[in-house]
């Protein structure tokens, strides 16, 4: 995010996917499996669009156990 952009708590799914490389299918799968909870990592807006909370997304990534093993 550039210095002149406002900081938003919620961004549309498309902006989240552009910024992270995540796919809409992966996001919807996390919602279905309840890995992501509505109102925390994601939320349906009054316009029917899905919004993502970038801070909660980062918290989710940082709290996941690493599956990469050192060689």
PDB file of N, CA and C in Angstrom:
ATOM      1  N   UNK A   1       0.849  -1.165   0.000  1.00  0.00           N
ATOM      2  CA  UNK A   1       0.000   0.000   0.000  1.00  0.00           C
ATOM      3  C   UNK A   1       0.896   1.230   0.000  1.00  0.00           C
ATOM      4  N   UNK A   2       0.608   2.167  -0.867  1.00  0.00           N
ATOM      5  CA  UNK A   2       1.427   3.365  -0.951  1.00  0.00           C
ATOM      6  C   UNK A   2       1.098   4.308   0.201  1.00  0.00           C
ATOM      7  N   UNK A   3       1.991   5.265   0.427  1.00  0.00           N
ATOM      8  CA  UNK A   3       1.844   6.195   1.546  1.00  0.00           C
ATOM      9  C   UNK A   3       0.580   7.043   1.428  1.00  0.00           C
ATOM     10  N   UNK A   4       0.121   7.297   0.205  1.00  0.00           N
ATOM     11  CA  UNK A   4      -1.059   8.153   0.061  1.00  0.00           C
ATOM     12  C   UNK A   4      -2.368   7.367   0.042  1.00  0.00           C
ATOM     13  N   UNK A   5      -2.333   6.051   0.150  1.00  0.00           N
ATOM     14  CA  UNK A   5      -3.543   5.237   0.218  1.00  0.00           C
ATOM     15  C   UNK A   5      -4.021   5.153   1.660  1.00  0.00           C
ATOM     16  N   UNK A   6      -5.326   5.185   1.827  1.00  0.00           N
ATOM     17  CA  UNK A   6      -5.896   5.028   3.162  1.00  0.00           C
ATOM     18  C   UNK A   6      -5.741   3.574   3.602  1.00  0.00           C
ATOM     19  N   UNK A   7      -5.656   3.373   4.898  1.00  0.00           N
ATOM     20  CA  UNK A   7      -5.599   2.017   5.448  1.00  0.00           C
ATOM     21  C   UNK A   7      -7.023   1.560   5.715  1.00  0.00           C
ATOM     22  N   UNK A   8      -7.413   0.481   5.090  1.00  0.00           N
ATOM     23  CA  UNK A   8      -8.756  -0.055   5.253  1.00  0.00           C
ATOM     24  C   UNK A   8      -8.712  -1.314   6.094  1.00  0.00           C
ATOM     25  N   UNK A   9      -9.725  -1.475   6.927  1.00  0.00           N
ATOM     26  CA  UNK A   9      -9.812  -2.694   7.718  1.00  0.00           C
ATOM     27  C   UNK A   9     -10.295  -3.855   6.863  1.00  0.00           C
ATOM     28  N   UNK A  10     -11.153  -3.591   5.869  1.00  0.00           N
ATOM     29  CA  UNK A  10     -11.702  -4.620   5.004  1.00  0.00           C
ATOM     30  C   UNK A  10     -11.433  -4.256   3.556  1.00  0.00           C
ATOM     31  N   UNK A  11     -10.974  -5.233   2.757  1.00  0.00           N
ATOM     32  CA  UNK A  11     -10.757  -5.029   1.320  1.00  0.00           C
ATOM     33  C   UNK A  11     -11.544  -6.089   0.560  1.00  0.00           C
ATOM     34  N   UNK A  12     -11.954  -5.749  -0.654  1.00  0.00           N
ATOM     35  CA  UNK A  12     -12.688  -6.718  -1.468  1.00  0.00           C
ATOM     36  C   UNK A  12     -11.813  -7.928  -1.757  1.00  0.00           C
ATOM     37  N   UNK A  13     -12.469  -9.043  -1.963  1.00  0.00           N
ATOM     38  CA  UNK A  13     -11.781 -10.303  -2.245  1.00  0.00           C
ATOM     39  C   UNK A  13     -10.796 -10.147  -3.402  1.00  0.00           C
ATOM     40  N   UNK A  14     -11.191  -9.454  -4.461  1.00  0.00           N
ATOM     41  CA  UNK A  14     -10.306  -9.313  -5.627  1.00  0.00           C
ATOM     42  C   UNK A  14      -9.015  -8.585  -5.267  1.00  0.00           C
ATOM     43  N   UNK A  15      -9.100  -7.550  -4.427  1.00  0.00           N
ATOM     44  CA  UNK A  15      -7.890  -6.825  -4.019  1.00  0.00           C
ATOM     45  C   UNK A  15      -7.006  -7.723  -3.147  1.00  0.00           C
ATOM     46  N   UNK A  16      -7.625  -8.484  -2.260  1.00  0.00           N
ATOM     47  CA  UNK A  16      -6.874  -9.430  -1.427  1.00  0.00           C
ATOM     48  C   UNK A  16      -6.126 -10.429  -2.306  1.00  0.00           C
ATOM     49  N   UNK A  17      -6.822 -10.978  -3.293  1.00  0.00           N
ATOM     50  CA  UNK A  17      -6.198 -11.973  -4.174  1.00  0.00           C
ATOM     51  C   UNK A  17      -5.068 -11.363  -4.988  1.00  0.00           C
ATOM     52  N   UNK A  18      -5.254 -10.143  -5.486  1.00  0.00           N
ATOM     53  CA  UNK A  18      -4.188  -9.457  -6.228  1.00  0.00           C
ATOM     54  C   UNK A  18      -2.961  -9.247  -5.353  1.00  0.00           C
ATOM     55  N   UNK A  19      -3.179  -8.881  -4.097  1.00  0.00           N
ATOM     56  CA  UNK A  19      -2.069  -8.558  -3.202  1.00  0.00           C
ATOM     57  C   UNK A  19      -1.330  -9.789  -2.695  1.00  0.00           C
ATOM     58  N   UNK A  20      -2.040 -10.917  -2.536  1.00  0.00           N
ATOM     59  CA  UNK A  20      -1.439 -12.083  -1.879  1.00  0.00           C
ATOM     60  C   UNK A  20      -1.173 -13.262  -2.801  1.00  0.00           C
ATOM     61  N   UNK A  21      -1.807 -13.276  -3.966  1.00  0.00           N
ATOM     62  CA  UNK A  21      -1.699 -14.448  -4.832  1.00  0.00           C
ATOM     63  C   UNK A  21      -2.662 -15.552  -4.446  1.00  0.00           C
ATOM     64  N   UNK A  22      -3.457 -15.317  -3.419  1.00  0.00           N
ATOM     65  CA  UNK A  22      -4.501 -16.257  -3.021  1.00  0.00           C
ATOM     66  C   UNK A  22      -5.534 -16.332  -4.136  1.00  0.00           C
ATOM     67  N   UNK A  23      -6.321 -17.382  -4.178  1.00  0.00           N
ATOM     68  CA  UNK A  23      -7.377 -17.488  -5.185  1.00  0.00           C
ATOM     69  C   UNK A  23      -8.739 -17.378  -4.505  1.00  0.00           C
ATOM     70  N   UNK A  24      -9.746 -16.894  -5.235  1.00  0.00           N
ATOM     71  CA  UNK A  24     -11.091 -16.857  -4.652  1.00  0.00           C
ATOM     72  C   UNK A  24     -11.563 -18.234  -4.200  1.00  0.00           C
ATOM     73  N   UNK A  25     -11.246 -19.275  -4.974  1.00  0.00           N
ATOM     74  CA  UNK A  25     -11.651 -20.634  -4.585  1.00  0.00           C
ATOM     75  C   UNK A  25     -11.040 -21.041  -3.249  1.00  0.00           C
ATOM     76  N   UNK A  26      -9.773 -20.688  -3.022  1.00  0.00           N
ATOM     77  CA  UNK A  26      -9.111 -21.032  -1.756  1.00  0.00           C
ATOM     78  C   UNK A  26      -9.764 -20.297  -0.590  1.00  0.00           C
ATOM     79  N   UNK A  27     -10.091 -19.033  -0.792  1.00  0.00           N
ATOM     80  CA  UNK A  27     -10.745 -18.254   0.263  1.00  0.00           C
ATOM     81  C   UNK A  27     -12.110 -18.857   0.591  1.00  0.00           C
ATOM     82  N   UNK A  28     -12.900 -19.155  -0.439  1.00  0.00           N
ATOM     83  CA  UNK A  28     -14.230 -19.729  -0.207  1.00  0.00           C
ATOM     84  C   UNK A  28     -14.133 -21.111   0.454  1.00  0.00           C
ATOM     85  N   UNK A  29     -13.109 -21.879   0.113  1.00  0.00           N
ATOM     86  CA  UNK A  29     -12.918 -23.186   0.748  1.00  0.00           C
ATOM     87  C   UNK A  29     -12.606 -23.025   2.232  1.00  0.00           C
ATOM     88  N   UNK A  30     -11.793 -22.036   2.595  1.00  0.00           N
ATOM     89  CA  UNK A  30     -11.492 -21.786   4.019  1.00  0.00           C
ATOM     90  C   UNK A  30     -12.755 -21.390   4.770  1.00  0.00           C
ATOM     91  N   UNK A  31     -13.622 -20.622   4.123  1.00  0.00           N
ATOM     92  CA  UNK A  31     -14.894 -20.248   4.759  1.00  0.00           C
ATOM     93  C   UNK A  31     -15.769 -21.474   4.958  1.00  0.00           C
ATOM     94  N   UNK A  32     -15.893 -22.308   3.923  1.00  0.00           N
ATOM     95  CA  UNK A  32     -16.741 -23.507   4.026  1.00  0.00           C
ATOM     96  C   UNK A  32     -16.248 -24.439   5.123  1.00  0.00           C
ATOM     97  N   UNK A  33     -14.927 -24.593   5.222  1.00  0.00           N
ATOM     98  CA  UNK A  33     -14.337 -25.482   6.225  1.00  0.00           C
ATOM     99  C   UNK A  33     -14.245 -24.829   7.595  1.00  0.00           C
ATOM    100  N   UNK A  34     -14.666 -23.577   7.686  1.00  0.00           N
ATOM    101  CA  UNK A  34     -14.601 -22.789   8.922  1.00  0.00           C
ATOM    102  C   UNK A  34     -13.185 -22.594   9.444  1.00  0.00           C
ATOM    103  N   UNK A  35     -12.220 -22.607   8.519  1.00  0.00           N
ATOM    104  CA  UNK A  35     -10.858 -22.228   8.868  1.00  0.00           C
ATOM    105  C   UNK A  35     -10.839 -20.715   9.072  1.00  0.00           C
ATOM    106  N   UNK A  36     -11.588 -20.015   8.227  1.00  0.00           N
ATOM    107  CA  UNK A  36     -11.791 -18.571   8.364  1.00  0.00           C
ATOM    108  C   UNK A  36     -13.220 -18.343   8.828  1.00  0.00           C
ATOM    109  N   UNK A  37     -13.381 -17.474   9.796  1.00  0.00           N
ATOM    110  CA  UNK A  37     -14.694 -17.191  10.360  1.00  0.00           C
ATOM    111  C   UNK A  37     -15.217 -15.856   9.828  1.00  0.00           C
ATOM    112  N   UNK A  38     -16.502 -15.865   9.453  1.00  0.00           N
ATOM    113  CA  UNK A  38     -17.136 -14.624   9.037  1.00  0.00           C
ATOM    114  C   UNK A  38     -17.117 -13.643  10.205  1.00  0.00           C
ATOM    115  N   UNK A  39     -16.728 -12.419   9.910  1.00  0.00           N
ATOM    116  CA  UNK A  39     -16.614 -11.387  10.933  1.00  0.00           C
ATOM    117  C   UNK A  39     -15.219 -11.261  11.492  1.00  0.00           C
ATOM    118  N   UNK A  40     -14.362 -12.235  11.198  1.00  0.00           N
ATOM    119  CA  UNK A  40     -12.969 -12.172  11.665  1.00  0.00           C
ATOM    120  C   UNK A  40     -12.060 -11.983  10.452  1.00  0.00           C
ATOM    121  N   UNK A  41     -11.796 -13.042   9.703  1.00  0.00           N
ATOM    122  CA  UNK A  41     -10.944 -12.938   8.515  1.00  0.00           C
ATOM    123  C   UNK A  41     -11.711 -12.450   7.293  1.00  0.00           C
ATOM    124  N   UNK A  42     -13.018 -12.698   7.254  1.00  0.00           N
ATOM    125  CA  UNK A  42     -13.814 -12.347   6.077  1.00  0.00           C
ATOM    126  C   UNK A  42     -15.207 -11.925   6.517  1.00  0.00           C
ATOM    127  N   UNK A  43     -15.898 -11.266   5.580  1.00  0.00           N
ATOM    128  CA  UNK A  43     -17.240 -10.782   5.896  1.00  0.00           C
ATOM    129  C   UNK A  43     -17.969 -10.460   4.599  1.00  0.00           C
ATOM    130  N   UNK A  44     -19.237 -10.814   4.533  1.00  0.00           N
ATOM    131  CA  UNK A  44     -20.070 -10.398   3.416  1.00  0.00           C
ATOM    132  C   UNK A  44     -20.515  -8.971   3.675  1.00  0.00           C
ATOM    133  N   UNK A  45     -20.281  -8.106   2.693  1.00  0.00           N
ATOM    134  CA  UNK A  45     -20.682  -6.716   2.810  1.00  0.00           C
ATOM    135  C   UNK A  45     -22.139  -6.529   2.448  1.00  0.00           C
ATOM    136  N   UNK A  46     -22.671  -5.354   2.723  1.00  0.00           N
ATOM    137  CA  UNK A  46     -24.069  -5.067   2.399  1.00  0.00           C
ATOM    138  C   UNK A  46     -24.335  -5.083   0.897  1.00  0.00           C
ATOM    139  N   UNK A  47     -23.262  -5.006   0.104  1.00  0.00           N
ATOM    140  CA  UNK A  47     -23.391  -5.047  -1.354  1.00  0.00           C
ATOM    141  C   UNK A  47     -23.302  -6.469  -1.903  1.00  0.00           C
ATOM    142  N   UNK A  48     -23.142  -7.464  -1.016  1.00  0.00           N
ATOM    143  CA  UNK A  48     -23.056  -8.856  -1.440  1.00  0.00           C
ATOM    144  C   UNK A  48     -21.653  -9.325  -1.767  1.00  0.00           C
ATOM    145  N   UNK A  49     -20.685  -8.414  -1.736  1.00  0.00           N
ATOM    146  CA  UNK A  49     -19.290  -8.784  -2.003  1.00  0.00           C
ATOM    147  C   UNK A  49     -18.640  -9.343  -0.749  1.00  0.00           C
ATOM    148  N   UNK A  50     -17.661 -10.219  -0.952  1.00  0.00           N
ATOM    149  CA  UNK A  50     -16.890 -10.758   0.160  1.00  0.00           C
ATOM    150  C   UNK A  50     -15.703  -9.838   0.414  1.00  0.00           C
ATOM    151  N   UNK A  51     -15.497  -9.483   1.668  1.00  0.00           N
ATOM    152  CA  UNK A  51     -14.395  -8.628   2.081  1.00  0.00           C
ATOM    153  C   UNK A  51     -13.466  -9.412   3.001  1.00  0.00           C
ATOM    154  N   UNK A  52     -12.176  -9.069   2.945  1.00  0.00           N
ATOM    155  CA  UNK A  52     -11.147  -9.736   3.738  1.00  0.00           C
ATOM    156  C   UNK A  52     -10.497  -8.706   4.646  1.00  0.00           C
ATOM    157  N   UNK A  53     -10.206  -9.105   5.875  1.00  0.00           N
ATOM    158  CA  UNK A  53      -9.503  -8.253   6.824  1.00  0.00           C
ATOM    159  C   UNK A  53      -8.006  -8.586   6.730  1.00  0.00           C
ATOM    160  N   UNK A  54      -7.192  -7.690   6.135  1.00  0.00           N
ATOM    161  CA  UNK A  54      -5.766  -7.997   5.947  1.00  0.00           C
ATOM    162  C   UNK A  54      -5.013  -8.269   7.248  1.00  0.00           C
ATOM    163  N   UNK A  55      -5.369  -7.563   8.323  1.00  0.00           N
ATOM    164  CA  UNK A  55      -4.681  -7.787   9.601  1.00  0.00           C
ATOM    165  C   UNK A  55      -4.950  -9.193  10.123  1.00  0.00           C
ATOM    166  N   UNK A  56      -6.194  -9.635  10.019  1.00  0.00           N
ATOM    167  CA  UNK A  56      -6.533 -10.987  10.472  1.00  0.00           C
ATOM    168  C   UNK A  56      -5.943 -12.041   9.544  1.00  0.00           C
ATOM    169  N   UNK A  57      -5.854 -11.734   8.262  1.00  0.00           N
ATOM    170  CA  UNK A  57      -5.189 -12.648   7.319  1.00  0.00           C
ATOM    171  C   UNK A  57      -3.731 -12.837   7.735  1.00  0.00           C
ATOM    172  N   UNK A  58      -3.038 -11.744   8.024  1.00  0.00           N
ATOM    173  CA  UNK A  58      -1.630 -11.835   8.450  1.00  0.00           C
ATOM    174  C   UNK A  58      -1.507 -12.614   9.752  1.00  0.00           C
ATOM    175  N   UNK A  59      -2.414 -12.378  10.680  1.00  0.00           N
ATOM    176  CA  UNK A  59      -2.390 -13.103  11.963  1.00  0.00           C
ATOM    177  C   UNK A  59      -2.587 -14.600  11.707  1.00  0.00           C
ATOM    178  N   UNK A  60      -3.500 -14.942  10.799  1.00  0.00           N
ATOM    179  CA  UNK A  60      -3.745 -16.346  10.456  1.00  0.00           C
ATOM    180  C   UNK A  60      -2.491 -16.984   9.863  1.00  0.00           C
ATOM    181  N   UNK A  61      -1.830 -16.284   8.935  1.00  0.00           N
ATOM    182  CA  UNK A  61      -0.611 -16.817   8.316  1.00  0.00           C
ATOM    183  C   UNK A  61       0.476 -17.016   9.367  1.00  0.00           C
ATOM    184  N   UNK A  62       0.653 -16.033  10.237  1.00  0.00           N
ATOM    185  CA  UNK A  62       1.724 -16.093  11.236  1.00  0.00           C
ATOM    186  C   UNK A  62       1.492 -17.165  12.288  1.00  0.00           C
ATOM    187  N   UNK A  63       0.262 -17.561  12.508  1.00  0.00           N
ATOM    188  CA  UNK A  63      -0.044 -18.546  13.543  1.00  0.00           C
ATOM    189  C   UNK A  63      -0.159 -19.955  13.042  1.00  0.00           C
ATOM    190  N   UNK A  64       0.087 -20.169  11.743  1.00  0.00           N
ATOM    191  CA  UNK A  64       0.019 -21.516  11.176  1.00  0.00           C
ATOM    192  C   UNK A  64       1.335 -22.247  11.424  1.00  0.00           C
ATOM    193  N   UNK A  65       1.273 -23.505  11.787  1.00  0.00           N
ATOM    194  CA  UNK A  65       2.515 -24.266  11.954  1.00  0.00           C
ATOM    195  C   UNK A  65       3.208 -24.422  10.600  1.00  0.00           C
ATOM    196  N   UNK A  66       4.495 -24.331  10.609  1.00  0.00           N
ATOM    197  CA  UNK A  66       5.280 -24.458   9.377  1.00  0.00           C
ATOM    198  C   UNK A  66       5.322 -25.916   8.959  1.00  0.00           C
ATOM    199  N   UNK A  67       5.115 -26.163   7.669  1.00  0.00           N
ATOM    200  CA  UNK A  67       5.207 -27.531   7.150  1.00  0.00           C
ATOM    201  C   UNK A  67       6.499 -27.742   6.379  1.00  0.00           C
ATOM    202  N   UNK A  68       7.327 -26.693   6.302  1.00  0.00           N
ATOM    203  CA  UNK A  68       8.604 -26.788   5.593  1.00  0.00           C
ATOM    204  C   UNK A  68       9.643 -27.312   6.566  1.00  0.00           C
ATOM    205  N   UNK A  69      10.393 -28.299   6.109  1.00  0.00           N
ATOM    206  CA  UNK A  69      11.436 -28.886   6.970  1.00  0.00           C
ATOM    207  C   UNK A  69      12.803 -28.480   6.461  1.00  0.00           C
ATOM    208  N   UNK A  70      13.688 -28.246   7.379  1.00  0.00           N
ATOM    209  CA  UNK A  70      15.064 -27.891   7.016  1.00  0.00           C
ATOM    210  C   UNK A  70      15.751 -29.111   6.419  1.00  0.00           C
ATOM    211  N   UNK A  71      16.573 -28.859   5.432  1.00  0.00           N
ATOM    212  CA  UNK A  71      17.275 -29.960   4.761  1.00  0.00           C
ATOM    213  C   UNK A  71      18.500 -30.395   5.531  1.00  0.00           C
TER     214      UNK A  71
END
